Amino acid sequence: DAALAADMRRETLAFFQEVVWKQDRPLGDLFNAQFTFATPRLARHYGWESRGPGLHRYDLSSIPARGGLLTQASTLTIGGDDASMVTRGLFVFKDLLRGEVKEPPPGVDTTPVPLKAGLSQRQISERRIANRACSGCHARIEPLAFGLEKFDGVGAFRESDEHGNRLREDGTILFPNTAQPQPYRSVAGLMSLLAGSPRVRETLTWKVTQFCLGRPLVA
């Protein structure tokens, strides 16, 4: 609802302010800093005990599923109600790695495949990747979101989906202009790879420079 959405926004703004302005930490720490901020309503949404009215800081060192921008509900809602791996993967690929991918060819059916018992989001993605007609793009995009499968469309964490399918958080990430994908076993591993990536740091620098100049940069 609108009130919860507003609290999600407050979390991300407070988190950014703390990391960047108050602590003056490297921008890469935005992806794996082990703390966040939550209101009572957002804390309940995350399954945490409330600390009282207002926005409070939470230590995440004992909560491996959370930590960093990509594990915050405001970012996770990018995938829509069905927690689309395509949309989430595209966000990481385009906005964090500055990758480029073509639009789907004309006539391709992009209707989401419905989930059911025995068919999770991950399995649907793996089928697309195995399809030679789709793998050229989807193999570069969707594995970036594999580590986020346990988060539903509004950023709540669960071990299985509404159909009882067990969910996973392991995968690989192939950074643009590199030859070998790097494996990760958990969402925390994915966040650490992003936080330490020169490509991500370059992208953040690019975006900050664009903001300061008030115009797009050209390669």
Protein backbone atom coordinates (compact mmCIF):
# COMPACT_ATOMS: atom_id res chain seq x y z
CA ASP A 1 0.00 0.00 0.00
CA ALA A 2 1.00 3.65 -0.27
CA ALA A 3 2.08 3.92 3.38
CA LEU A 4 4.40 0.91 3.13
CA ALA A 5 5.77 2.21 -0.17
CA ALA A 6 6.59 5.52 1.52
CA ASP A 7 8.44 3.67 4.28
CA MET A 8 10.43 1.73 1.67
CA ARG A 9 11.48 5.04 0.13
CA ARG A 10 12.48 6.41 3.55
CA GLU A 11 14.67 3.37 4.15
CA THR A 12 16.65 3.82 0.96
CA LEU A 13 17.08 7.58 1.34
CA ALA A 14 18.24 7.24 4.97
CA PHE A 15 20.60 4.42 4.01
CA PHE A 16 22.17 6.43 1.18
CA GLN A 17 22.52 9.49 3.38
CA GLU A 18 24.27 7.45 6.08
CA VAL A 19 26.69 5.64 3.75
CA VAL A 20 27.58 8.49 1.42
CA TRP A 21 27.13 11.74 3.32
CA LYS A 22 27.56 10.90 7.01
CA GLN A 23 30.16 8.10 6.86
CA ASP A 24 31.77 9.12 3.54
CA ARG A 25 32.22 5.48 2.58
CA PRO A 26 33.06 4.22 -0.93
CA LEU A 27 30.02 4.11 -3.21
CA GLY A 28 30.53 0.37 -3.62
CA ASP A 29 29.48 -0.04 0.02
CA LEU A 30 25.96 0.86 -1.05
CA PHE A 31 25.66 -2.76 -2.16
CA ASN A 32 26.80 -4.61 0.95
CA ALA A 33 26.76 -2.32 4.00
CA GLN A 34 25.50 -4.36 6.94
CA PHE A 35 22.85 -2.00 8.27
CA THR A 36 19.65 -0.30 7.18
CA PHE A 37 16.78 1.78 8.50
CA ALA A 38 13.17 0.76 9.03
CA THR A 39 9.90 2.01 10.44
CA PRO A 40 7.70 -0.32 12.53
CA ARG A 41 5.57 -1.06 9.47
CA LEU A 42 8.58 -1.89 7.29
CA ALA A 43 10.19 -3.93 10.07
CA ARG A 44 7.06 -6.12 10.25
CA HIS A 45 7.16 -6.48 6.47
CA TYR A 46 10.75 -7.72 6.75
CA GLY A 47 9.91 -10.02 9.67
CA TRP A 48 11.85 -8.04 12.26
CA GLU A 49 10.87 -6.90 15.72
CA SER A 50 9.86 -3.26 15.79
CA ARG A 51 11.99 -0.80 17.73
CA GLY A 52 9.23 1.73 18.26
CA PRO A 53 7.79 4.70 16.36
CA GLY A 54 9.81 6.43 13.67
CA LEU A 55 12.79 5.34 11.61
CA HIS A 56 15.38 3.21 13.41
CA ARG A 57 18.74 1.80 12.40
CA TYR A 58 19.02 -2.03 12.22
CA ASP A 59 22.25 -4.01 12.31
CA LEU A 60 22.19 -6.67 9.56
CA SER A 61 25.39 -8.54 10.41
CA SER A 62 23.31 -11.53 11.58
CA ILE A 63 20.78 -11.29 8.72
CA PRO A 64 22.67 -12.55 5.64
CA ALA A 65 19.70 -12.09 3.30
CA ARG A 66 19.73 -8.32 3.78
CA GLY A 67 22.39 -5.70 3.26
CA GLY A 68 22.69 -3.15 0.48
CA LEU A 69 20.46 -1.44 -2.04
CA LEU A 70 19.47 -4.55 -3.99
CA THR A 71 18.02 -6.21 -0.89
CA GLN A 72 15.81 -3.24 -0.03
CA ALA A 73 12.16 -3.41 -0.94
CA SER A 74 12.22 -0.10 -2.82
CA THR A 75 14.64 -1.67 -5.33
CA LEU A 76 13.16 -5.17 -5.37
CA THR A 77 9.75 -3.85 -6.48
CA ILE A 78 11.38 -3.14 -9.85
CA GLY A 79 10.53 -6.75 -10.75
CA GLY A 80 6.78 -6.15 -10.39
CA ASP A 81 4.30 -8.37 -8.59
CA ASP A 82 5.72 -11.52 -10.19
CA ALA A 83 9.31 -10.65 -9.14
CA SER A 84 10.42 -10.91 -12.76
CA MET A 85 13.99 -12.10 -13.19
CA VAL A 86 14.08 -10.46 -16.60
CA THR A 87 13.23 -7.02 -15.21
CA ARG A 88 15.48 -7.34 -12.17
CA GLY A 89 18.31 -8.71 -14.27
CA LEU A 90 17.94 -5.88 -16.77
CA PHE A 91 18.16 -3.35 -13.96
CA VAL A 92 21.48 -4.80 -12.77
CA PHE A 93 22.79 -5.23 -16.31
CA LYS A 94 21.90 -1.76 -17.61
CA ASP A 95 21.97 0.46 -14.52
CA LEU A 96 24.82 -1.08 -12.53
CA LEU A 97 27.01 -2.67 -15.20
CA ARG A 98 26.22 -0.30 -18.09
CA GLY A 99 25.61 -3.24 -20.36
CA GLU A 100 23.71 -3.05 -23.63
CA VAL A 101 21.17 -5.50 -24.95
CA LYS A 102 18.83 -5.39 -27.93
CA GLU A 103 15.06 -5.27 -27.70
CA PRO A 104 13.21 -8.60 -28.24
CA PRO A 105 12.77 -9.43 -31.95
CA PRO A 106 9.37 -8.54 -33.47
CA GLY A 107 6.76 -11.22 -32.95
CA VAL A 108 8.36 -12.76 -29.86
CA ASP A 109 5.80 -13.58 -27.17
CA THR A 110 6.97 -11.81 -24.01
CA THR A 111 3.96 -12.80 -21.89
CA PRO A 112 5.26 -14.01 -18.48
CA VAL A 113 5.04 -17.77 -17.98
CA PRO A 114 2.78 -18.46 -14.97
CA LEU A 115 4.29 -20.15 -11.95
CA LYS A 116 2.95 -23.47 -10.72
CA ALA A 117 3.97 -26.35 -8.51
CA GLY A 118 7.20 -27.70 -9.94
CA LEU A 119 7.92 -24.57 -11.97
CA SER A 120 9.61 -21.68 -10.16
CA GLN A 121 10.89 -18.38 -11.54
CA ARG A 122 14.40 -19.82 -11.63
CA GLN A 123 13.29 -22.85 -13.63
CA ILE A 124 11.41 -20.67 -16.11
CA SER A 125 14.54 -18.55 -16.54
CA GLU A 126 16.72 -21.61 -17.05
CA ARG A 127 14.36 -22.80 -19.80
CA ARG A 128 14.67 -19.48 -21.59
CA ILE A 129 18.44 -19.58 -21.28
CA ALA A 130 18.50 -23.11 -22.69
CA ASN A 131 16.46 -21.98 -25.71
CA ARG A 132 18.94 -21.11 -28.47
CA ALA A 133 16.61 -18.41 -29.83
CA CYS A 134 16.59 -16.62 -26.45
CA SER A 135 19.91 -17.49 -24.81
CA GLY A 136 22.00 -14.83 -26.55
CA CYS A 137 20.43 -12.09 -24.42
CA HIS A 138 18.80 -13.91 -21.53
CA ALA A 139 22.00 -15.75 -20.55
CA ARG A 140 23.59 -12.34 -19.95
CA ILE A 141 20.64 -10.87 -18.07
CA GLU A 142 18.71 -13.31 -15.94
CA PRO A 143 21.55 -14.95 -13.96
CA LEU A 144 22.17 -11.49 -12.48
CA ALA A 145 18.83 -11.84 -10.68
CA PHE A 146 19.16 -15.48 -9.57
CA GLY A 147 20.47 -14.35 -6.18
CA LEU A 148 17.28 -12.33 -5.62
CA GLU A 149 14.79 -15.17 -6.19
CA LYS A 150 13.94 -15.51 -2.50
CA PHE A 151 12.54 -11.96 -2.44
CA ASP A 152 8.95 -11.64 -3.61
CA GLY A 153 7.53 -8.79 -5.66
CA VAL A 154 7.35 -6.41 -2.68
CA GLY A 155 10.69 -7.39 -1.18
CA ALA A 156 9.60 -9.85 1.51
CA PHE A 157 11.98 -12.79 2.04
CA ARG A 158 10.73 -16.38 1.77
CA GLU A 159 12.25 -19.83 1.28
CA SER A 160 9.48 -21.06 -1.04
CA ASP A 161 6.95 -19.43 -3.36
CA GLU A 162 3.16 -19.55 -3.19
CA HIS A 163 3.16 -22.87 -5.06
CA GLY A 164 5.55 -24.55 -2.65
CA ASN A 165 8.58 -24.41 -4.94
CA ARG A 166 11.83 -24.19 -2.99
CA LEU A 167 13.79 -21.11 -3.99
CA ARG A 168 17.52 -20.61 -4.49
CA GLU A 169 20.03 -17.78 -4.21
CA ASP A 170 23.12 -19.15 -5.93
CA GLY A 171 24.26 -18.22 -9.40
CA THR A 172 26.96 -16.61 -11.51
CA ILE A 173 27.65 -13.09 -12.68
CA LEU A 174 29.44 -12.26 -15.92
CA PHE A 175 30.78 -8.73 -15.85
CA PRO A 176 30.88 -7.01 -19.27
CA ASN A 177 34.22 -7.31 -21.10
CA THR A 178 35.28 -10.32 -19.01
CA ALA A 179 35.56 -13.90 -20.18
CA GLN A 180 34.68 -15.98 -17.12
CA PRO A 181 31.52 -15.73 -15.00
CA GLN A 182 32.07 -15.48 -11.26
CA PRO A 183 30.00 -17.80 -9.06
CA TYR A 184 28.20 -16.82 -5.87
CA ARG A 185 26.41 -19.00 -3.36
CA SER A 186 24.08 -16.49 -1.75
CA VAL A 187 22.62 -13.04 -2.11
CA ALA A 188 25.38 -11.83 0.23
CA GLY A 189 27.94 -13.24 -2.20
CA LEU A 190 26.28 -11.46 -5.11
CA MET A 191 26.27 -8.18 -3.17
CA SER A 192 29.97 -8.54 -2.36
CA LEU A 193 30.84 -9.15 -6.02
CA LEU A 194 28.95 -6.02 -7.04
CA ALA A 195 30.47 -3.95 -4.23
CA GLY A 196 34.00 -4.93 -5.27
CA SER A 197 33.52 -4.62 -9.02
CA PRO A 198 35.52 -1.96 -10.90
CA ARG A 199 32.73 -2.01 -13.49
CA VAL A 200 30.14 -1.02 -10.88
CA ARG A 201 32.40 1.72 -9.51
CA GLU A 202 32.88 3.04 -13.06
CA THR A 203 29.10 3.05 -13.62
CA LEU A 204 28.44 4.94 -10.39
CA THR A 205 31.10 7.51 -11.31
CA TRP A 206 29.51 7.85 -14.74
CA LYS A 207 26.06 8.43 -13.23
CA VAL A 208 27.26 10.94 -10.65
CA THR A 209 29.12 12.88 -13.37
CA GLN A 210 26.00 12.96 -15.54
CA PHE A 211 23.99 14.27 -12.60
CA CYS A 212 26.52 17.00 -11.83
CA LEU A 213 26.71 18.12 -15.47
CA GLY A 214 22.95 17.89 -15.99
CA ARG A 215 23.35 16.08 -19.31
CA PRO A 216 24.06 12.59 -20.64
CA LEU A 217 27.66 11.58 -21.25
CA VAL A 218 28.68 10.01 -24.53
CA ALA A 219 31.11 7.13 -24.79
